[in-house]
């Protein structure tokens, strides 16, 4: 089974949002990483406990699509690109 590295995902996240740790204050660096890992943990629990409990695969996929749409809408609103 392929192993996923959350530290690598954190680095990818920083790239996506245009942040570089070298330009962050120590507090911002600590709190950003804590928020990232906290959010990852919450999403993993959601996938395991809630999405995993959905017996209909199509409904589970719809639920994940809905979550992706919510995240996309959040970032559109944050960037001011949402009409």
C-alpha atoms as a PDB file:
ATOM      1  CA  UNK A   1       0.000   0.000   0.000  1.00  0.00           C
ATOM      2  CA  UNK A   2       1.314   3.420  -0.960  1.00  0.00           C
ATOM      3  CA  UNK A   3       2.081   5.664   1.988  1.00  0.00           C
ATOM      4  CA  UNK A   4       1.116   9.325   1.917  1.00  0.00           C
ATOM      5  CA  UNK A   5       3.231  11.916   3.707  1.00  0.00           C
ATOM      6  CA  UNK A   6       1.221  14.720   5.306  1.00  0.00           C
ATOM      7  CA  UNK A   7       4.341  16.859   5.641  1.00  0.00           C
ATOM      8  CA  UNK A   8       4.690  16.685   1.862  1.00  0.00           C
ATOM      9  CA  UNK A   9       1.001  17.545   1.506  1.00  0.00           C
ATOM     10  CA  UNK A  10       1.590  20.518   3.821  1.00  0.00           C
ATOM     11  CA  UNK A  11       4.355  21.757   1.520  1.00  0.00           C
ATOM     12  CA  UNK A  12       2.043  21.351  -1.487  1.00  0.00           C
ATOM     13  CA  UNK A  13      -0.660  23.274   0.377  1.00  0.00           C
ATOM     14  CA  UNK A  14       1.737  26.141   1.056  1.00  0.00           C
ATOM     15  CA  UNK A  15       2.564  26.268  -2.660  1.00  0.00           C
ATOM     16  CA  UNK A  16      -1.132  26.303  -3.609  1.00  0.00           C
ATOM     17  CA  UNK A  17      -1.891  29.220  -1.322  1.00  0.00           C
ATOM     18  CA  UNK A  18       1.307  31.090  -2.151  1.00  0.00           C
ATOM     19  CA  UNK A  19       2.997  30.904   1.251  1.00  0.00           C
ATOM     20  CA  UNK A  20       6.656  30.264   2.023  1.00  0.00           C
ATOM     21  CA  UNK A  21       7.701  29.304   5.521  1.00  0.00           C
ATOM     22  CA  UNK A  22      10.859  31.428   5.259  1.00  0.00           C
ATOM     23  CA  UNK A  23       8.657  34.530   4.927  1.00  0.00           C
ATOM     24  CA  UNK A  24       6.344  33.591   7.817  1.00  0.00           C
ATOM     25  CA  UNK A  25       6.767  34.664  11.411  1.00  0.00           C
ATOM     26  CA  UNK A  26       7.412  31.790  13.832  1.00  0.00           C
ATOM     27  CA  UNK A  27       3.879  32.083  15.222  1.00  0.00           C
ATOM     28  CA  UNK A  28       2.310  32.110  11.741  1.00  0.00           C
ATOM     29  CA  UNK A  29       4.395  29.071  10.745  1.00  0.00           C
ATOM     30  CA  UNK A  30       3.351  27.127  13.867  1.00  0.00           C
ATOM     31  CA  UNK A  31      -0.323  28.071  13.654  1.00  0.00           C
ATOM     32  CA  UNK A  32      -0.554  27.419   9.897  1.00  0.00           C
ATOM     33  CA  UNK A  33       0.912  23.943  10.298  1.00  0.00           C
ATOM     34  CA  UNK A  34      -1.347  23.225  13.287  1.00  0.00           C
ATOM     35  CA  UNK A  35      -4.400  24.360  11.322  1.00  0.00           C
ATOM     36  CA  UNK A  36      -3.380  22.222   8.336  1.00  0.00           C
ATOM     37  CA  UNK A  37      -2.830  19.073  10.403  1.00  0.00           C
ATOM     38  CA  UNK A  38      -5.988  19.716  12.430  1.00  0.00           C
ATOM     39  CA  UNK A  39      -8.020  20.050   9.243  1.00  0.00           C
ATOM     40  CA  UNK A  40      -6.431  16.909   7.803  1.00  0.00           C
ATOM     41  CA  UNK A  41      -7.287  14.979  10.934  1.00  0.00           C
ATOM     42  CA  UNK A  42     -10.864  16.210  10.898  1.00  0.00           C
ATOM     43  CA  UNK A  43     -11.261  15.263   7.226  1.00  0.00           C
ATOM     44  CA  UNK A  44      -9.783  11.814   7.848  1.00  0.00           C
ATOM     45  CA  UNK A  45     -12.280  11.248  10.654  1.00  0.00           C
ATOM     46  CA  UNK A  46     -15.088  12.463   8.395  1.00  0.00           C
ATOM     47  CA  UNK A  47     -13.992  10.051   5.670  1.00  0.00           C
ATOM     48  CA  UNK A  48     -13.617   7.128   8.062  1.00  0.00           C
ATOM     49  CA  UNK A  49     -16.684   7.639  10.222  1.00  0.00           C
ATOM     50  CA  UNK A  50     -19.238   9.423   8.057  1.00  0.00           C
ATOM     51  CA  UNK A  51     -18.425   8.956   4.382  1.00  0.00           C
ATOM     52  CA  UNK A  52     -17.278   5.402   5.095  1.00  0.00           C
ATOM     53  CA  UNK A  53     -20.661   4.639   6.669  1.00  0.00           C
ATOM     54  CA  UNK A  54     -22.532   5.495   3.463  1.00  0.00           C
ATOM     55  CA  UNK A  55     -23.388   2.144   1.928  1.00  0.00           C
ATOM     56  CA  UNK A  56     -24.327   3.458  -1.517  1.00  0.00           C
ATOM     57  CA  UNK A  57     -21.075   4.219  -3.395  1.00  0.00           C
ATOM     58  CA  UNK A  58     -22.771   6.813  -5.596  1.00  0.00           C
ATOM     59  CA  UNK A  59     -24.079   8.679  -2.545  1.00  0.00           C
ATOM     60  CA  UNK A  60     -20.619   8.572  -0.980  1.00  0.00           C
ATOM     61  CA  UNK A  61     -19.119  10.036  -4.143  1.00  0.00           C
ATOM     62  CA  UNK A  62     -21.832  12.724  -4.203  1.00  0.00           C
ATOM     63  CA  UNK A  63     -21.019  13.582  -0.592  1.00  0.00           C
ATOM     64  CA  UNK A  64     -17.309  13.951  -1.430  1.00  0.00           C
ATOM     65  CA  UNK A  65     -18.138  16.056  -4.505  1.00  0.00           C
ATOM     66  CA  UNK A  66     -20.283  18.284  -2.289  1.00  0.00           C
ATOM     67  CA  UNK A  67     -17.383  18.723   0.127  1.00  0.00           C
ATOM     68  CA  UNK A  68     -15.034  19.624  -2.741  1.00  0.00           C
ATOM     69  CA  UNK A  69     -17.572  22.153  -4.004  1.00  0.00           C
ATOM     70  CA  UNK A  70     -17.828  23.720  -0.550  1.00  0.00           C
ATOM     71  CA  UNK A  71     -14.047  24.111  -0.397  1.00  0.00           C
ATOM     72  CA  UNK A  72     -13.967  25.537  -3.922  1.00  0.00           C
ATOM     73  CA  UNK A  73     -16.712  28.040  -3.077  1.00  0.00           C
ATOM     74  CA  UNK A  74     -14.898  29.056   0.100  1.00  0.00           C
ATOM     75  CA  UNK A  75     -11.733  29.880  -1.847  1.00  0.00           C
ATOM     76  CA  UNK A  76     -13.682  31.684  -4.562  1.00  0.00           C
ATOM     77  CA  UNK A  77     -15.290  33.871  -1.902  1.00  0.00           C
ATOM     78  CA  UNK A  78     -11.944  34.423  -0.173  1.00  0.00           C
ATOM     79  CA  UNK A  79     -10.290  35.486  -3.413  1.00  0.00           C
ATOM     80  CA  UNK A  80     -13.160  37.814  -4.339  1.00  0.00           C
ATOM     81  CA  UNK A  81     -13.729  35.962  -7.625  1.00  0.00           C
ATOM     82  CA  UNK A  82     -17.192  34.690  -6.725  1.00  0.00           C
ATOM     83  CA  UNK A  83     -20.101  36.607  -8.232  1.00  0.00           C
END
